[in-house]
Amino acid sequence: MDKRFDILDAPEDVRALVGECELTGTRTTFLRNDRPVAILISHDEYLALRETIDIADDAPLRAAIDEAEAEVERGAMLAIEDLLGA
C-alpha cells in the first residue's frame, strides 16, 4: 500500500534531499544498520520504472515488441517514404 504525506511535514534535511532529487535526479538510499531499506527517486523516474515493469508484465505486448525487433534484425522494414507514399 502506498503512503503519502506533505513534504512540508518532513524534517528540513529530508526536504532538502527531496528538492535535490526533484531538481537534479539525485537518488538517495536510506540505510538501517548499513543496509539499504528505501530509495528516494524522482516522480518522473518512478513513472518510467513503472512503465517498464508494466510493459515487461504484459505478455502480448512483450511478444509484439519481440516480433518487431526480430523484423528489424531481418531487415523486414519499410522506408518512411514507402509509408508516407512519397
PDB file of N, CA and C in Angstrom:
ATOM      1  N   MET A   1       0.836  -1.175   0.000  1.00  0.00           N
ATOM      2  CA  MET A   1       0.000   0.000   0.000  1.00  0.00           C
ATOM      3  C   MET A   1       0.887   1.247   0.000  1.00  0.00           C
ATOM      4  N   ASP A   2       0.554   2.203  -0.824  1.00  0.00           N
ATOM      5  CA  ASP A   2       1.311   3.449  -0.903  1.00  0.00           C
ATOM      6  C   ASP A   2       0.876   4.393   0.206  1.00  0.00           C
ATOM      7  N   LYS A   3       1.821   5.125   0.725  1.00  0.00           N
ATOM      8  CA  LYS A   3       1.527   6.161   1.712  1.00  0.00           C
ATOM      9  C   LYS A   3       1.935   7.499   1.137  1.00  0.00           C
ATOM     10  N   ARG A   4       1.246   8.542   1.558  1.00  0.00           N
ATOM     11  CA  ARG A   4       1.547   9.888   1.086  1.00  0.00           C
ATOM     12  C   ARG A   4       1.578  10.834   2.279  1.00  0.00           C
ATOM     13  N   PHE A   5       2.436  11.810   2.207  1.00  0.00           N
ATOM     14  CA  PHE A   5       2.415  12.885   3.201  1.00  0.00           C
ATOM     15  C   PHE A   5       2.985  14.144   2.575  1.00  0.00           C
ATOM     16  N   ASP A   6       2.617  15.257   3.130  1.00  0.00           N
ATOM     17  CA  ASP A   6       3.070  16.544   2.612  1.00  0.00           C
ATOM     18  C   ASP A   6       4.537  16.752   2.973  1.00  0.00           C
ATOM     19  N   ILE A   7       5.333  17.117   2.003  1.00  0.00           N
ATOM     20  CA  ILE A   7       6.767  17.299   2.222  1.00  0.00           C
ATOM     21  C   ILE A   7       7.035  18.388   3.263  1.00  0.00           C
ATOM     22  N   LEU A   8       6.102  19.313   3.422  1.00  0.00           N
ATOM     23  CA  LEU A   8       6.283  20.366   4.424  1.00  0.00           C
ATOM     24  C   LEU A   8       6.249  19.814   5.843  1.00  0.00           C
ATOM     25  N   ASP A   9       5.713  18.595   6.012  1.00  0.00           N
ATOM     26  CA  ASP A   9       5.695  17.953   7.327  1.00  0.00           C
ATOM     27  C   ASP A   9       6.990  17.202   7.619  1.00  0.00           C
ATOM     28  N   ALA A  10       7.864  17.093   6.637  1.00  0.00           N
ATOM     29  CA  ALA A  10       9.119  16.353   6.811  1.00  0.00           C
ATOM     30  C   ALA A  10      10.173  17.253   7.461  1.00  0.00           C
ATOM     31  N   PRO A  11      11.149  16.645   8.119  1.00  0.00           N
ATOM     32  CA  PRO A  11      12.253  17.442   8.671  1.00  0.00           C
ATOM     33  C   PRO A  11      12.993  18.183   7.551  1.00  0.00           C
ATOM     34  N   GLU A  12      13.635  19.279   7.908  1.00  0.00           N
ATOM     35  CA  GLU A  12      14.311  20.137   6.926  1.00  0.00           C
ATOM     36  C   GLU A  12      15.321  19.371   6.075  1.00  0.00           C
ATOM     37  N   ASP A  13      16.104  18.466   6.682  1.00  0.00           N
ATOM     38  CA  ASP A  13      17.116  17.745   5.904  1.00  0.00           C
ATOM     39  C   ASP A  13      16.481  16.817   4.881  1.00  0.00           C
ATOM     40  N   VAL A  14      15.327  16.252   5.208  1.00  0.00           N
ATOM     41  CA  VAL A  14      14.622  15.400   4.243  1.00  0.00           C
ATOM     42  C   VAL A  14      14.061  16.259   3.115  1.00  0.00           C
ATOM     43  N   ARG A  15      13.547  17.424   3.449  1.00  0.00           N
ATOM     44  CA  ARG A  15      13.046  18.331   2.409  1.00  0.00           C
ATOM     45  C   ARG A  15      14.161  18.709   1.441  1.00  0.00           C
ATOM     46  N   ALA A  16      15.352  18.908   1.951  1.00  0.00           N
ATOM     47  CA  ALA A  16      16.491  19.243   1.087  1.00  0.00           C
ATOM     48  C   ALA A  16      16.814  18.082   0.152  1.00  0.00           C
ATOM     49  N   LEU A  17      16.751  16.850   0.664  1.00  0.00           N
ATOM     50  CA  LEU A  17      17.009  15.677  -0.181  1.00  0.00           C
ATOM     51  C   LEU A  17      15.962  15.563  -1.283  1.00  0.00           C
ATOM     52  N   VAL A  18      14.705  15.804  -0.924  1.00  0.00           N
ATOM     53  CA  VAL A  18      13.628  15.736  -1.920  1.00  0.00           C
ATOM     54  C   VAL A  18      13.818  16.824  -2.969  1.00  0.00           C
ATOM     55  N   GLY A  19      14.165  18.014  -2.549  1.00  0.00           N
ATOM     56  CA  GLY A  19      14.406  19.094  -3.501  1.00  0.00           C
ATOM     57  C   GLY A  19      15.532  18.766  -4.460  1.00  0.00           C
ATOM     58  N   GLU A  20      16.615  18.216  -3.936  1.00  0.00           N
ATOM     59  CA  GLU A  20      17.743  17.824  -4.788  1.00  0.00           C
ATOM     60  C   GLU A  20      17.326  16.735  -5.766  1.00  0.00           C
ATOM     61  N   CYS A  21      16.565  15.784  -5.285  1.00  0.00           N
ATOM     62  CA  CYS A  21      16.079  14.693  -6.139  1.00  0.00           C
ATOM     63  C   CYS A  21      15.215  15.246  -7.268  1.00  0.00           C
ATOM     64  N   GLU A  22      14.315  16.149  -6.910  1.00  0.00           N
ATOM     65  CA  GLU A  22      13.405  16.733  -7.895  1.00  0.00           C
ATOM     66  C   GLU A  22      14.154  17.541  -8.948  1.00  0.00           C
ATOM     67  N   LEU A  23      15.141  18.312  -8.521  1.00  0.00           N
ATOM     68  CA  LEU A  23      15.845  19.206  -9.442  1.00  0.00           C
ATOM     69  C   LEU A  23      16.926  18.521 -10.261  1.00  0.00           C
ATOM     70  N   THR A  24      17.649  17.577  -9.660  1.00  0.00           N
ATOM     71  CA  THR A  24      18.817  17.007 -10.339  1.00  0.00           C
ATOM     72  C   THR A  24      18.699  15.520 -10.637  1.00  0.00           C
ATOM     73  N   GLY A  25      17.663  14.874 -10.084  1.00  0.00           N
ATOM     74  CA  GLY A  25      17.527  13.437 -10.295  1.00  0.00           C
ATOM     75  C   GLY A  25      18.400  12.604  -9.374  1.00  0.00           C
ATOM     76  N   THR A  26      19.016  13.251  -8.385  1.00  0.00           N
ATOM     77  CA  THR A  26      19.861  12.523  -7.434  1.00  0.00           C
ATOM     78  C   THR A  26      19.024  11.514  -6.661  1.00  0.00           C
ATOM     79  N   ARG A  27      19.509  10.290  -6.590  1.00  0.00           N
ATOM     80  CA  ARG A  27      18.836   9.247  -5.803  1.00  0.00           C
ATOM     81  C   ARG A  27      19.477   9.187  -4.424  1.00  0.00           C
ATOM     82  N   THR A  28      18.649   8.982  -3.405  1.00  0.00           N
ATOM     83  CA  THR A  28      19.152   8.853  -2.042  1.00  0.00           C
ATOM     84  C   THR A  28      18.727   7.501  -1.499  1.00  0.00           C
ATOM     85  N   THR A  29      19.680   6.737  -0.991  1.00  0.00           N
ATOM     86  CA  THR A  29      19.392   5.446  -0.371  1.00  0.00           C
ATOM     87  C   THR A  29      19.389   5.628   1.138  1.00  0.00           C
ATOM     88  N   PHE A  30      18.305   5.180   1.766  1.00  0.00           N
ATOM     89  CA  PHE A  30      18.193   5.233   3.218  1.00  0.00           C
ATOM     90  C   PHE A  30      18.640   3.888   3.779  1.00  0.00           C
ATOM     91  N   LEU A  31      19.468   3.948   4.814  1.00  0.00           N
ATOM     92  CA  LEU A  31      20.071   2.745   5.393  1.00  0.00           C
ATOM     93  C   LEU A  31      19.583   2.530   6.824  1.00  0.00           C
ATOM     94  N   ARG A  32      19.569   1.280   7.229  1.00  0.00           N
ATOM     95  CA  ARG A  32      19.393   0.892   8.618  1.00  0.00           C
ATOM     96  C   ARG A  32      20.453  -0.154   8.901  1.00  0.00           C
ATOM     97  N   ASN A  33      21.311   0.106   9.862  1.00  0.00           N
ATOM     98  CA  ASN A  33      22.417  -0.811  10.168  1.00  0.00           C
ATOM     99  C   ASN A  33      23.260  -1.090   8.923  1.00  0.00           C
ATOM    100  N   ASP A  34      23.533  -0.038   8.161  1.00  0.00           N
ATOM    101  CA  ASP A  34      24.344  -0.120   6.937  1.00  0.00           C
ATOM    102  C   ASP A  34      23.726  -0.978   5.836  1.00  0.00           C
ATOM    103  N   ARG A  35      22.428  -1.228   5.916  1.00  0.00           N
ATOM    104  CA  ARG A  35      21.741  -1.993   4.864  1.00  0.00           C
ATOM    105  C   ARG A  35      20.663  -1.119   4.235  1.00  0.00           C
ATOM    106  N   PRO A  36      20.552  -1.129   2.901  1.00  0.00           N
ATOM    107  CA  PRO A  36      19.536  -0.303   2.246  1.00  0.00           C
ATOM    108  C   PRO A  36      18.127  -0.766   2.621  1.00  0.00           C
ATOM    109  N   VAL A  37      17.265   0.195   2.940  1.00  0.00           N
ATOM    110  CA  VAL A  37      15.872  -0.123   3.265  1.00  0.00           C
ATOM    111  C   VAL A  37      14.882   0.649   2.400  1.00  0.00           C
ATOM    112  N   ALA A  38      15.310   1.753   1.794  1.00  0.00           N
ATOM    113  CA  ALA A  38      14.424   2.543   0.935  1.00  0.00           C
ATOM    114  C   ALA A  38      15.276   3.430   0.033  1.00  0.00           C
ATOM    115  N   ILE A  39      14.676   3.823  -1.087  1.00  0.00           N
ATOM    116  CA  ILE A  39      15.365   4.703  -2.027  1.00  0.00           C
ATOM    117  C   ILE A  39      14.429   5.839  -2.408  1.00  0.00           C
ATOM    118  N   LEU A  40      14.959   7.042  -2.393  1.00  0.00           N
ATOM    119  CA  LEU A  40      14.222   8.220  -2.828  1.00  0.00           C
ATOM    120  C   LEU A  40      14.587   8.480  -4.287  1.00  0.00           C
ATOM    121  N   ILE A  41      13.575   8.437  -5.154  1.00  0.00           N
ATOM    122  CA  ILE A  41      13.772   8.749  -6.571  1.00  0.00           C
ATOM    123  C   ILE A  41      12.732   9.783  -6.974  1.00  0.00           C
ATOM    124  N   SER A  42      12.967  10.468  -8.079  1.00  0.00           N
ATOM    125  CA  SER A  42      12.010  11.471  -8.546  1.00  0.00           C
ATOM    126  C   SER A  42      10.738  10.789  -9.041  1.00  0.00           C
ATOM    127  N   HIS A  43       9.669  11.561  -9.057  1.00  0.00           N
ATOM    128  CA  HIS A  43       8.390  11.037  -9.540  1.00  0.00           C
ATOM    129  C   HIS A  43       8.494  10.616 -11.005  1.00  0.00           C
ATOM    130  N   ASP A  44       9.191  11.403 -11.826  1.00  0.00           N
ATOM    131  CA  ASP A  44       9.359  11.050 -13.242  1.00  0.00           C
ATOM    132  C   ASP A  44      10.089   9.722 -13.398  1.00  0.00           C
ATOM    133  N   GLU A  45      11.139   9.516 -12.591  1.00  0.00           N
ATOM    134  CA  GLU A  45      11.872   8.253 -12.669  1.00  0.00           C
ATOM    135  C   GLU A  45      10.994   7.093 -12.211  1.00  0.00           C
ATOM    136  N   TYR A  46      10.204   7.319 -11.175  1.00  0.00           N
ATOM    137  CA  TYR A  46       9.275   6.290 -10.704  1.00  0.00           C
ATOM    138  C   TYR A  46       8.294   5.908 -11.815  1.00  0.00           C
ATOM    139  N   LEU A  47       7.715   6.908 -12.483  1.00  0.00           N
ATOM    140  CA  LEU A  47       6.760   6.617 -13.560  1.00  0.00           C
ATOM    141  C   LEU A  47       7.424   5.832 -14.689  1.00  0.00           C
ATOM    142  N   ALA A  48       8.659   6.181 -15.038  1.00  0.00           N
ATOM    143  CA  ALA A  48       9.380   5.455 -16.087  1.00  0.00           C
ATOM    144  C   ALA A  48       9.627   4.009 -15.674  1.00  0.00           C
ATOM    145  N   LEU A  49      10.005   3.801 -14.425  1.00  0.00           N
ATOM    146  CA  LEU A  49      10.212   2.433 -13.929  1.00  0.00           C
ATOM    147  C   LEU A  49       8.913   1.642 -13.941  1.00  0.00           C
ATOM    148  N   ARG A  50       7.810   2.268 -13.511  1.00  0.00           N
ATOM    149  CA  ARG A  50       6.510   1.586 -13.510  1.00  0.00           C
ATOM    150  C   ARG A  50       6.119   1.203 -14.938  1.00  0.00           C
ATOM    151  N   GLU A  51       6.342   2.110 -15.886  1.00  0.00           N
ATOM    152  CA  GLU A  51       6.003   1.820 -17.279  1.00  0.00           C
ATOM    153  C   GLU A  51       6.821   0.641 -17.792  1.00  0.00           C
ATOM    154  N   THR A  52       8.096   0.597 -17.466  1.00  0.00           N
ATOM    155  CA  THR A  52       8.952  -0.517 -17.868  1.00  0.00           C
ATOM    156  C   THR A  52       8.454  -1.827 -17.273  1.00  0.00           C
ATOM    157  N   ILE A  53       8.091  -1.801 -16.010  1.00  0.00           N
ATOM    158  CA  ILE A  53       7.568  -3.006 -15.350  1.00  0.00           C
ATOM    159  C   ILE A  53       6.256  -3.434 -15.989  1.00  0.00           C
ATOM    160  N   ASP A  54       5.366  -2.466 -16.260  1.00  0.00           N
ATOM    161  CA  ASP A  54       4.080  -2.797 -16.877  1.00  0.00           C
ATOM    162  C   ASP A  54       4.274  -3.430 -18.253  1.00  0.00           C
ATOM    163  N   ILE A  55       5.213  -2.913 -19.035  1.00  0.00           N
ATOM    164  CA  ILE A  55       5.493  -3.487 -20.353  1.00  0.00           C
ATOM    165  C   ILE A  55       6.040  -4.904 -20.200  1.00  0.00           C
ATOM    166  N   ALA A  56       6.962  -5.083 -19.278  1.00  0.00           N
ATOM    167  CA  ALA A  56       7.557  -6.409 -19.067  1.00  0.00           C
ATOM    168  C   ALA A  56       6.516  -7.419 -18.603  1.00  0.00           C
ATOM    169  N   ASP A  57       5.502  -6.954 -17.870  1.00  0.00           N
ATOM    170  CA  ASP A  57       4.461  -7.849 -17.353  1.00  0.00           C
ATOM    171  C   ASP A  57       3.348  -8.124 -18.360  1.00  0.00           C
ATOM    172  N   ASP A  58       3.321  -7.407 -19.478  1.00  0.00           N
ATOM    173  CA  ASP A  58       2.262  -7.553 -20.480  1.00  0.00           C
ATOM    174  C   ASP A  58       2.750  -8.516 -21.564  1.00  0.00           C
ATOM    175  N   ALA A  59       2.388  -9.796 -21.421  1.00  0.00           N
ATOM    176  CA  ALA A  59       2.900 -10.834 -22.331  1.00  0.00           C
ATOM    177  C   ALA A  59       2.581 -10.545 -23.802  1.00  0.00           C
ATOM    178  N   PRO A  60       1.340 -10.181 -24.168  1.00  0.00           N
ATOM    179  CA  PRO A  60       1.072  -9.897 -25.584  1.00  0.00           C
ATOM    180  C   PRO A  60       1.891  -8.715 -26.113  1.00  0.00           C
ATOM    181  N   LEU A  61       2.020  -7.676 -25.321  1.00  0.00           N
ATOM    182  CA  LEU A  61       2.822  -6.528 -25.747  1.00  0.00           C
ATOM    183  C   LEU A  61       4.285  -6.916 -25.879  1.00  0.00           C
ATOM    184  N   ARG A  62       4.796  -7.676 -24.935  1.00  0.00           N
ATOM    185  CA  ARG A  62       6.187  -8.135 -24.979  1.00  0.00           C
ATOM    186  C   ARG A  62       6.421  -8.978 -26.239  1.00  0.00           C
ATOM    187  N   ALA A  63       5.453  -9.841 -26.575  1.00  0.00           N
ATOM    188  CA  ALA A  63       5.572 -10.669 -27.780  1.00  0.00           C
ATOM    189  C   ALA A  63       5.596  -9.797 -29.033  1.00  0.00           C
ATOM    190  N   ALA A  64       4.758  -8.764 -29.072  1.00  0.00           N
ATOM    191  CA  ALA A  64       4.732  -7.861 -30.226  1.00  0.00           C
ATOM    192  C   ALA A  64       6.056  -7.106 -30.355  1.00  0.00           C
ATOM    193  N   ILE A  65       6.605  -6.671 -29.243  1.00  0.00           N
ATOM    194  CA  ILE A  65       7.901  -5.981 -29.262  1.00  0.00           C
ATOM    195  C   ILE A  65       8.995  -6.927 -29.741  1.00  0.00           C
ATOM    196  N   ASP A  66       8.994  -8.153 -29.232  1.00  0.00           N
ATOM    197  CA  ASP A  66       9.995  -9.136 -29.650  1.00  0.00           C
ATOM    198  C   ASP A  66       9.901  -9.411 -31.145  1.00  0.00           C
ATOM    199  N   GLU A  67       8.673  -9.519 -31.659  1.00  0.00           N
ATOM    200  CA  GLU A  67       8.481  -9.767 -33.096  1.00  0.00           C
ATOM    201  C   GLU A  67       8.977  -8.575 -33.910  1.00  0.00           C
ATOM    202  N   ALA A  68       8.678  -7.370 -33.466  1.00  0.00           N
ATOM    203  CA  ALA A  68       9.138  -6.172 -34.173  1.00  0.00           C
ATOM    204  C   ALA A  68      10.665  -6.103 -34.186  1.00  0.00           C
ATOM    205  N   GLU A  69      11.292  -6.438 -33.063  1.00  0.00           N
ATOM    206  CA  GLU A  69      12.754  -6.442 -33.014  1.00  0.00           C
ATOM    207  C   GLU A  69      13.332  -7.500 -33.947  1.00  0.00           C
ATOM    208  N   ALA A  70      12.668  -8.644 -34.045  1.00  0.00           N
ATOM    209  CA  ALA A  70      13.124  -9.698 -34.957  1.00  0.00           C
ATOM    210  C   ALA A  70      13.001  -9.233 -36.407  1.00  0.00           C
ATOM    211  N   GLU A  71      11.918  -8.515 -36.725  1.00  0.00           N
ATOM    212  CA  GLU A  71      11.744  -7.987 -38.077  1.00  0.00           C
ATOM    213  C   GLU A  71      12.846  -6.988 -38.418  1.00  0.00           C
ATOM    214  N   VAL A  72      13.212  -6.161 -37.472  1.00  0.00           N
ATOM    215  CA  VAL A  72      14.294  -5.194 -37.695  1.00  0.00           C
ATOM    216  C   VAL A  72      15.595  -5.936 -37.978  1.00  0.00           C
ATOM    217  N   GLU A  73      15.872  -6.960 -37.195  1.00  0.00           N
ATOM    218  CA  GLU A  73      17.095  -7.746 -37.399  1.00  0.00           C
ATOM    219  C   GLU A  73      17.110  -8.412 -38.772  1.00  0.00           C
ATOM    220  N   ARG A  74      15.938  -8.841 -39.259  1.00  0.00           N
ATOM    221  CA  ARG A  74      15.847  -9.483 -40.575  1.00  0.00           C
ATOM    222  C   ARG A  74      15.852  -8.457 -41.706  1.00  0.00           C
ATOM    223  N   GLY A  75      15.722  -7.193 -41.360  1.00  0.00           N
ATOM    224  CA  GLY A  75      15.657  -6.157 -42.386  1.00  0.00           C
ATOM    225  C   GLY A  75      14.286  -6.033 -43.009  1.00  0.00           C
ATOM    226  N   ALA A  76      13.279  -6.587 -42.375  1.00  0.00           N
ATOM    227  CA  ALA A  76      11.912  -6.551 -42.894  1.00  0.00           C
ATOM    228  C   ALA A  76      11.235  -5.257 -42.453  1.00  0.00           C
ATOM    229  N   MET A  77      11.734  -4.142 -42.991  1.00  0.00           N
ATOM    230  CA  MET A  77      11.195  -2.834 -42.621  1.00  0.00           C
ATOM    231  C   MET A  77      10.838  -2.069 -43.879  1.00  0.00           C
ATOM    232  N   LEU A  78       9.956  -1.107 -43.703  1.00  0.00           N
ATOM    233  CA  LEU A  78       9.610  -0.214 -44.798  1.00  0.00           C
ATOM    234  C   LEU A  78      10.326   1.111 -44.596  1.00  0.00           C
ATOM    235  N   ALA A  79      10.703   1.723 -45.688  1.00  0.00           N
ATOM    236  CA  ALA A  79      11.274   3.064 -45.615  1.00  0.00           C
ATOM    237  C   ALA A  79      10.151   4.045 -45.315  1.00  0.00           C
ATOM    238  N   ILE A  80      10.465   5.142 -44.664  1.00  0.00           N
ATOM    239  CA  ILE A  80       9.459   6.140 -44.327  1.00  0.00           C
ATOM    240  C   ILE A  80       8.753   6.659 -45.575  1.00  0.00           C
ATOM    241  N   GLU A  81       9.483   6.737 -46.687  1.00  0.00           N
ATOM    242  CA  GLU A  81       8.884   7.195 -47.943  1.00  0.00           C
ATOM    243  C   GLU A  81       7.787   6.238 -48.398  1.00  0.00           C
ATOM    244  N   ASP A  82       8.009   4.928 -48.195  1.00  0.00           N
ATOM    245  CA  ASP A  82       7.003   3.943 -48.574  1.00  0.00           C
ATOM    246  C   ASP A  82       5.758   4.076 -47.705  1.00  0.00           C
ATOM    247  N   LEU A  83       5.954   4.372 -46.437  1.00  0.00           N
ATOM    248  CA  LEU A  83       4.818   4.531 -45.534  1.00  0.00           C
ATOM    249  C   LEU A  83       4.013   5.778 -45.857  1.00  0.00           C
ATOM    250  N   LEU A  84       4.709   6.848 -46.217  1.00  0.00           N
ATOM    251  CA  LEU A  84       4.042   8.117 -46.486  1.00  0.00           C
ATOM    252  C   LEU A  84       3.596   8.251 -47.936  1.00  0.00           C
ATOM    253  N   GLY A  85       3.985   7.304 -48.771  1.00  0.00           N
ATOM    254  CA  GLY A  85       3.618   7.355 -50.177  1.00  0.00           C
ATOM    255  C   GLY A  85       4.365   8.438 -50.946  1.00  0.00           C
ATOM    256  N   ALA A  86       5.503   8.823 -50.432  1.00  0.00           N
ATOM    257  CA  ALA A  86       6.270   9.898 -51.090  1.00  0.00           C
ATOM    258  C   ALA A  86       7.223   9.329 -52.106  1.00  0.00           C
TER     259      ALA A  86
END
